Every structure is written in structure tokens, then in C-alpha cells.
Amino acid sequence: KASRAVMDALKPGICWVDMHLLAN
């Protein structure tokens, strides 16, 4: 679920740190 949440959110302009925190 964490993996797919990141995939759904990932796009240009997104901060990679925020993706890490989203997965957490």
C-alpha cells in the first residue's frame, strides 16, 4: 500500500522527502 501510494503521487514538482514521509 505504501509503494502504490508513492507511485500514485509521484510526478514532476513533488519533493522526494515528502514521498519518503508518505510511505512512512
PDB file of all heavy atoms in Angstrom:
ATOM      1  N   LYS A   1       0.833  -1.205   0.000  1.00  0.00           N
ATOM      2  CA  LYS A   1       0.000   0.000   0.000  1.00  0.00           C
ATOM      3  C   LYS A   1       0.868   1.256   0.000  1.00  0.00           C
ATOM      4  O   LYS A   1       0.557   2.238  -0.682  1.00  0.00           O
ATOM      5  CB  LYS A   1      -0.920  -0.012   1.215  1.00  0.00           C
ATOM      6  CG  LYS A   1      -2.001   1.053   1.184  1.00  0.00           C
ATOM      7  CD  LYS A   1      -3.019   0.841   2.291  1.00  0.00           C
ATOM      8  CE  LYS A   1      -4.137   1.882   2.202  1.00  0.00           C
ATOM      9  NZ  LYS A   1      -5.158   1.672   3.277  1.00  0.00           N
ATOM     10  N   ALA A   2       1.979   1.218   0.748  1.00  0.00           N
ATOM     11  CA  ALA A   2       2.904   2.356   0.765  1.00  0.00           C
ATOM     12  C   ALA A   2       3.527   2.564  -0.618  1.00  0.00           C
ATOM     13  O   ALA A   2       3.643   3.698  -1.098  1.00  0.00           O
ATOM     14  CB  ALA A   2       3.986   2.132   1.817  1.00  0.00           C
ATOM     15  N   SER A   3       3.928   1.469  -1.252  1.00  0.00           N
ATOM     16  CA  SER A   3       4.528   1.543  -2.575  1.00  0.00           C
ATOM     17  C   SER A   3       3.578   2.185  -3.573  1.00  0.00           C
ATOM     18  O   SER A   3       3.953   3.104  -4.321  1.00  0.00           O
ATOM     19  CB  SER A   3       4.913   0.137  -3.050  1.00  0.00           C
ATOM     20  OG  SER A   3       5.171   0.105  -4.431  1.00  0.00           O
ATOM     21  N   ARG A   4       2.344   1.730  -3.575  1.00  0.00           N
ATOM     22  CA  ARG A   4       1.381   2.228  -4.561  1.00  0.00           C
ATOM     23  C   ARG A   4       0.934   3.648  -4.240  1.00  0.00           C
ATOM     24  O   ARG A   4       0.612   4.416  -5.157  1.00  0.00           O
ATOM     25  CB  ARG A   4       0.181   1.289  -4.634  1.00  0.00           C
ATOM     26  CG  ARG A   4       0.353   0.118  -5.623  1.00  0.00           C
ATOM     27  CD  ARG A   4       1.769  -0.422  -5.670  1.00  0.00           C
ATOM     28  NE  ARG A   4       2.029  -1.314  -6.796  1.00  0.00           N
ATOM     29  CZ  ARG A   4       3.208  -1.804  -7.113  1.00  0.00           C
ATOM     30  NH1 ARG A   4       4.268  -1.500  -6.374  1.00  0.00           N
ATOM     31  NH2 ARG A   4       3.373  -2.576  -8.151  1.00  0.00           N
ATOM     32  N   ALA A   5       0.960   4.039  -2.982  1.00  0.00           N
ATOM     33  CA  ALA A   5       0.649   5.430  -2.642  1.00  0.00           C
ATOM     34  C   ALA A   5       1.701   6.369  -3.216  1.00  0.00           C
ATOM     35  O   ALA A   5       1.376   7.452  -3.739  1.00  0.00           O
ATOM     36  CB  ALA A   5       0.567   5.583  -1.121  1.00  0.00           C
ATOM     37  N   VAL A   6       2.957   5.977  -3.132  1.00  0.00           N
ATOM     38  CA  VAL A   6       4.031   6.791  -3.709  1.00  0.00           C
ATOM     39  C   VAL A   6       3.903   6.846  -5.225  1.00  0.00           C
ATOM     40  O   VAL A   6       4.026   7.914  -5.837  1.00  0.00           O
ATOM     41  CB  VAL A   6       5.410   6.247  -3.286  1.00  0.00           C
ATOM     42  CG1 VAL A   6       6.523   6.963  -4.043  1.00  0.00           C
ATOM     43  CG2 VAL A   6       5.610   6.389  -1.785  1.00  0.00           C
ATOM     44  N   MET A   7       3.648   5.700  -5.855  1.00  0.00           N
ATOM     45  CA  MET A   7       3.500   5.686  -7.311  1.00  0.00           C
ATOM     46  C   MET A   7       2.363   6.599  -7.764  1.00  0.00           C
ATOM     47  O   MET A   7       2.481   7.311  -8.774  1.00  0.00           O
ATOM     48  CB  MET A   7       3.250   4.263  -7.798  1.00  0.00           C
ATOM     49  CG  MET A   7       4.475   3.375  -7.760  1.00  0.00           C
ATOM     50  SD  MET A   7       4.154   1.810  -8.610  1.00  0.00           S
ATOM     51  CE  MET A   7       5.761   1.019  -8.460  1.00  0.00           C
ATOM     52  N   ASP A   8       1.258   6.601  -7.013  1.00  0.00           N
ATOM     53  CA  ASP A   8       0.113   7.433  -7.382  1.00  0.00           C
ATOM     54  C   ASP A   8       0.431   8.921  -7.245  1.00  0.00           C
ATOM     55  O   ASP A   8      -0.109   9.747  -7.983  1.00  0.00           O
ATOM     56  CB  ASP A   8      -1.096   7.084  -6.513  1.00  0.00           C
ATOM     57  CG  ASP A   8      -1.688   5.713  -6.844  1.00  0.00           C
ATOM     58  OD1 ASP A   8      -1.397   5.196  -7.948  1.00  0.00           O
ATOM     59  OD2 ASP A   8      -2.426   5.169  -6.008  1.00  0.00           O
ATOM     60  N   ALA A   9       1.310   9.258  -6.286  1.00  0.00           N
ATOM     61  CA  ALA A   9       1.600  10.662  -6.008  1.00  0.00           C
ATOM     62  C   ALA A   9       2.778  11.209  -6.809  1.00  0.00           C
ATOM     63  O   ALA A   9       2.896  12.422  -6.984  1.00  0.00           O
ATOM     64  CB  ALA A   9       1.883  10.840  -4.513  1.00  0.00           C
ATOM     65  N   LEU A  10       3.644  10.331  -7.298  1.00  0.00           N
ATOM     66  CA  LEU A  10       4.898  10.775  -7.903  1.00  0.00           C
ATOM     67  C   LEU A  10       4.660  11.460  -9.243  1.00  0.00           C
ATOM     68  O   LEU A  10       4.024  10.909 -10.134  1.00  0.00           O
ATOM     69  CB  LEU A  10       5.834   9.578  -8.095  1.00  0.00           C
ATOM     70  CG  LEU A  10       7.278   9.910  -8.469  1.00  0.00           C
ATOM     71  CD1 LEU A  10       7.984  10.612  -7.321  1.00  0.00           C
ATOM     72  CD2 LEU A  10       8.039   8.652  -8.881  1.00  0.00           C
ATOM     73  N   LYS A  11       5.207  12.664  -9.378  1.00  0.00           N
ATOM     74  CA  LYS A  11       5.135  13.425 -10.627  1.00  0.00           C
ATOM     75  C   LYS A  11       6.096  14.597 -10.503  1.00  0.00           C
ATOM     76  O   LYS A  11       6.579  14.909  -9.414  1.00  0.00           O
ATOM     77  CB  LYS A  11       3.715  13.914 -10.897  1.00  0.00           C
ATOM     78  CG  LYS A  11       3.171  14.849  -9.843  1.00  0.00           C
ATOM     79  CD  LYS A  11       1.736  15.248 -10.157  1.00  0.00           C
ATOM     80  CE  LYS A  11       1.180  16.175  -9.072  1.00  0.00           C
ATOM     81  NZ  LYS A  11      -0.231  16.553  -9.364  1.00  0.00           N
ATOM     82  N   PRO A  12       6.402  15.255 -11.615  1.00  0.00           N
ATOM     83  CA  PRO A  12       7.293  16.419 -11.537  1.00  0.00           C
ATOM     84  C   PRO A  12       6.767  17.467 -10.553  1.00  0.00           C
ATOM     85  O   PRO A  12       5.554  17.724 -10.482  1.00  0.00           O
ATOM     86  CB  PRO A  12       7.302  16.940 -12.974  1.00  0.00           C
ATOM     87  CG  PRO A  12       7.013  15.738 -13.809  1.00  0.00           C
ATOM     88  CD  PRO A  12       6.047  14.929 -13.009  1.00  0.00           C
ATOM     89  N   GLY A  13       7.703  18.057  -9.786  1.00  0.00           N
ATOM     90  CA  GLY A  13       7.344  19.075  -8.815  1.00  0.00           C
ATOM     91  C   GLY A  13       7.192  18.558  -7.403  1.00  0.00           C
ATOM     92  O   GLY A  13       7.132  19.339  -6.446  1.00  0.00           O
ATOM     93  N   ILE A  14       7.129  17.231  -7.247  1.00  0.00           N
ATOM     94  CA  ILE A  14       6.986  16.614  -5.932  1.00  0.00           C
ATOM     95  C   ILE A  14       8.361  16.505  -5.276  1.00  0.00           C
ATOM     96  O   ILE A  14       9.353  16.180  -5.929  1.00  0.00           O
ATOM     97  CB  ILE A  14       6.344  15.214  -6.059  1.00  0.00           C
ATOM     98  CG1 ILE A  14       4.901  15.331  -6.524  1.00  0.00           C
ATOM     99  CG2 ILE A  14       6.426  14.441  -4.757  1.00  0.00           C
ATOM    100  CD1 ILE A  14       3.945  15.928  -5.521  1.00  0.00           C
ATOM    101  N   CYS A  15       8.427  16.749  -3.964  1.00  0.00           N
ATOM    102  CA  CYS A  15       9.674  16.594  -3.218  1.00  0.00           C
ATOM    103  C   CYS A  15       9.867  15.136  -2.830  1.00  0.00           C
ATOM    104  O   CYS A  15       8.948  14.500  -2.298  1.00  0.00           O
ATOM    105  CB  CYS A  15       9.646  17.477  -1.973  1.00  0.00           C
ATOM    106  SG  CYS A  15      11.064  17.248  -0.867  1.00  0.00           S
ATOM    107  N   TRP A  16      11.051  14.595  -3.092  1.00  0.00           N
ATOM    108  CA  TRP A  16      11.326  13.183  -2.784  1.00  0.00           C
ATOM    109  C   TRP A  16      11.242  12.902  -1.280  1.00  0.00           C
ATOM    110  O   TRP A  16      10.810  11.819  -0.872  1.00  0.00           O
ATOM    111  CB  TRP A  16      12.685  12.790  -3.337  1.00  0.00           C
ATOM    112  CG  TRP A  16      13.014  11.334  -3.247  1.00  0.00           C
ATOM    113  CD1 TRP A  16      14.041  10.760  -2.564  1.00  0.00           C
ATOM    114  CD2 TRP A  16      12.309  10.246  -3.879  1.00  0.00           C
ATOM    115  NE1 TRP A  16      14.037   9.401  -2.727  1.00  0.00           N
ATOM    116  CE2 TRP A  16      12.982   9.050  -3.524  1.00  0.00           C
ATOM    117  CE3 TRP A  16      11.187  10.173  -4.692  1.00  0.00           C
ATOM    118  CZ2 TRP A  16      12.554   7.793  -3.967  1.00  0.00           C
ATOM    119  CZ3 TRP A  16      10.767   8.925  -5.139  1.00  0.00           C
ATOM    120  CH2 TRP A  16      11.445   7.759  -4.774  1.00  0.00           C
ATOM    121  N   VAL A  17      11.611  13.860  -0.455  1.00  0.00           N
ATOM    122  CA  VAL A  17      11.486  13.688   1.002  1.00  0.00           C
ATOM    123  C   VAL A  17      10.023  13.461   1.375  1.00  0.00           C
ATOM    124  O   VAL A  17       9.712  12.616   2.223  1.00  0.00           O
ATOM    125  CB  VAL A  17      12.052  14.907   1.747  1.00  0.00           C
ATOM    126  CG1 VAL A  17      11.815  14.778   3.254  1.00  0.00           C
ATOM    127  CG2 VAL A  17      13.543  15.063   1.470  1.00  0.00           C
ATOM    128  N   ASP A  18       9.121  14.192   0.737  1.00  0.00           N
ATOM    129  CA  ASP A  18       7.696  14.013   1.028  1.00  0.00           C
ATOM    130  C   ASP A  18       7.214  12.622   0.641  1.00  0.00           C
ATOM    131  O   ASP A  18       6.317  12.059   1.288  1.00  0.00           O
ATOM    132  CB  ASP A  18       6.872  15.072   0.290  1.00  0.00           C
ATOM    133  CG  ASP A  18       7.084  16.475   0.839  1.00  0.00           C
ATOM    134  OD1 ASP A  18       7.584  16.598   1.983  1.00  0.00           O
ATOM    135  OD2 ASP A  18       6.769  17.448   0.123  1.00  0.00           O
ATOM    136  N   MET A  19       7.801  12.045  -0.406  1.00  0.00           N
ATOM    137  CA  MET A  19       7.427  10.685  -0.800  1.00  0.00           C
ATOM    138  C   MET A  19       7.880   9.670   0.261  1.00  0.00           C
ATOM    139  O   MET A  19       7.161   8.721   0.569  1.00  0.00           O
ATOM    140  CB  MET A  19       8.036  10.342  -2.159  1.00  0.00           C
ATOM    141  CG  MET A  19       7.498  11.171  -3.320  1.00  0.00           C
ATOM    142  SD  MET A  19       5.721  10.899  -3.657  1.00  0.00           S
ATOM    143  CE  MET A  19       4.982  12.213  -2.664  1.00  0.00           C
ATOM    144  N   HIS A  20       9.060   9.887   0.810  1.00  0.00           N
ATOM    145  CA  HIS A  20       9.546   9.033   1.897  1.00  0.00           C
ATOM    146  C   HIS A  20       8.596   9.114   3.087  1.00  0.00           C
ATOM    147  O   HIS A  20       8.214   8.086   3.673  1.00  0.00           O
ATOM    148  CB  HIS A  20      10.949   9.480   2.290  1.00  0.00           C
ATOM    149  CG  HIS A  20      11.534   8.729   3.450  1.00  0.00           C
ATOM    150  ND1 HIS A  20      12.347   7.633   3.302  1.00  0.00           N
ATOM    151  CD2 HIS A  20      11.428   8.929   4.792  1.00  0.00           C
ATOM    152  CE1 HIS A  20      12.709   7.181   4.488  1.00  0.00           C
ATOM    153  NE2 HIS A  20      12.167   7.957   5.411  1.00  0.00           N
ATOM    154  N   LEU A  21       8.205  10.315   3.440  1.00  0.00           N
ATOM    155  CA  LEU A  21       7.310  10.501   4.590  1.00  0.00           C
ATOM    156  C   LEU A  21       5.928   9.919   4.306  1.00  0.00           C
ATOM    157  O   LEU A  21       5.283   9.370   5.215  1.00  0.00           O
ATOM    158  CB  LEU A  21       7.214  11.980   4.931  1.00  0.00           C
ATOM    159  CG  LEU A  21       8.521  12.624   5.433  1.00  0.00           C
ATOM    160  CD1 LEU A  21       8.352  14.131   5.589  1.00  0.00           C
ATOM    161  CD2 LEU A  21       8.970  11.997   6.749  1.00  0.00           C
ATOM    162  N   LEU A  22       5.470  10.015   3.071  1.00  0.00           N
ATOM    163  CA  LEU A  22       4.193   9.404   2.704  1.00  0.00           C
ATOM    164  C   LEU A  22       4.244   7.894   2.904  1.00  0.00           C
ATOM    165  O   LEU A  22       3.311   7.290   3.467  1.00  0.00           O
ATOM    166  CB  LEU A  22       3.861   9.735   1.250  1.00  0.00           C
ATOM    167  CG  LEU A  22       2.650   9.012   0.646  1.00  0.00           C
ATOM    168  CD1 LEU A  22       1.375   9.358   1.392  1.00  0.00           C
ATOM    169  CD2 LEU A  22       2.525   9.346  -0.848  1.00  0.00           C
ATOM    170  N   ALA A  23       5.325   7.264   2.447  1.00  0.00           N
ATOM    171  CA  ALA A  23       5.469   5.818   2.630  1.00  0.00           C
ATOM    172  C   ALA A  23       5.487   5.466   4.111  1.00  0.00           C
ATOM    173  O   ALA A  23       4.852   4.480   4.544  1.00  0.00           O
ATOM    174  CB  ALA A  23       6.751   5.329   1.951  1.00  0.00           C
ATOM    175  N   ASN A  24       6.189   6.249   4.926  1.00  0.00           N
ATOM    176  CA  ASN A  24       6.209   6.008   6.376  1.00  0.00           C
ATOM    177  C   ASN A  24       4.802   6.104   6.957  1.00  0.00           C
ATOM    178  O   ASN A  24       4.385   5.252   7.761  1.00  0.00           O
ATOM    179  CB  ASN A  24       7.106   7.040   7.062  1.00  0.00           C
ATOM    180  CG  ASN A  24       8.583   6.713   6.997  1.00  0.00           C
ATOM    181  OD1 ASN A  24       9.406   7.481   7.487  1.00  0.00           O
ATOM    182  ND2 ASN A  24       8.952   5.595   6.398  1.00  0.00           N
TER     183      ASN A  24
END
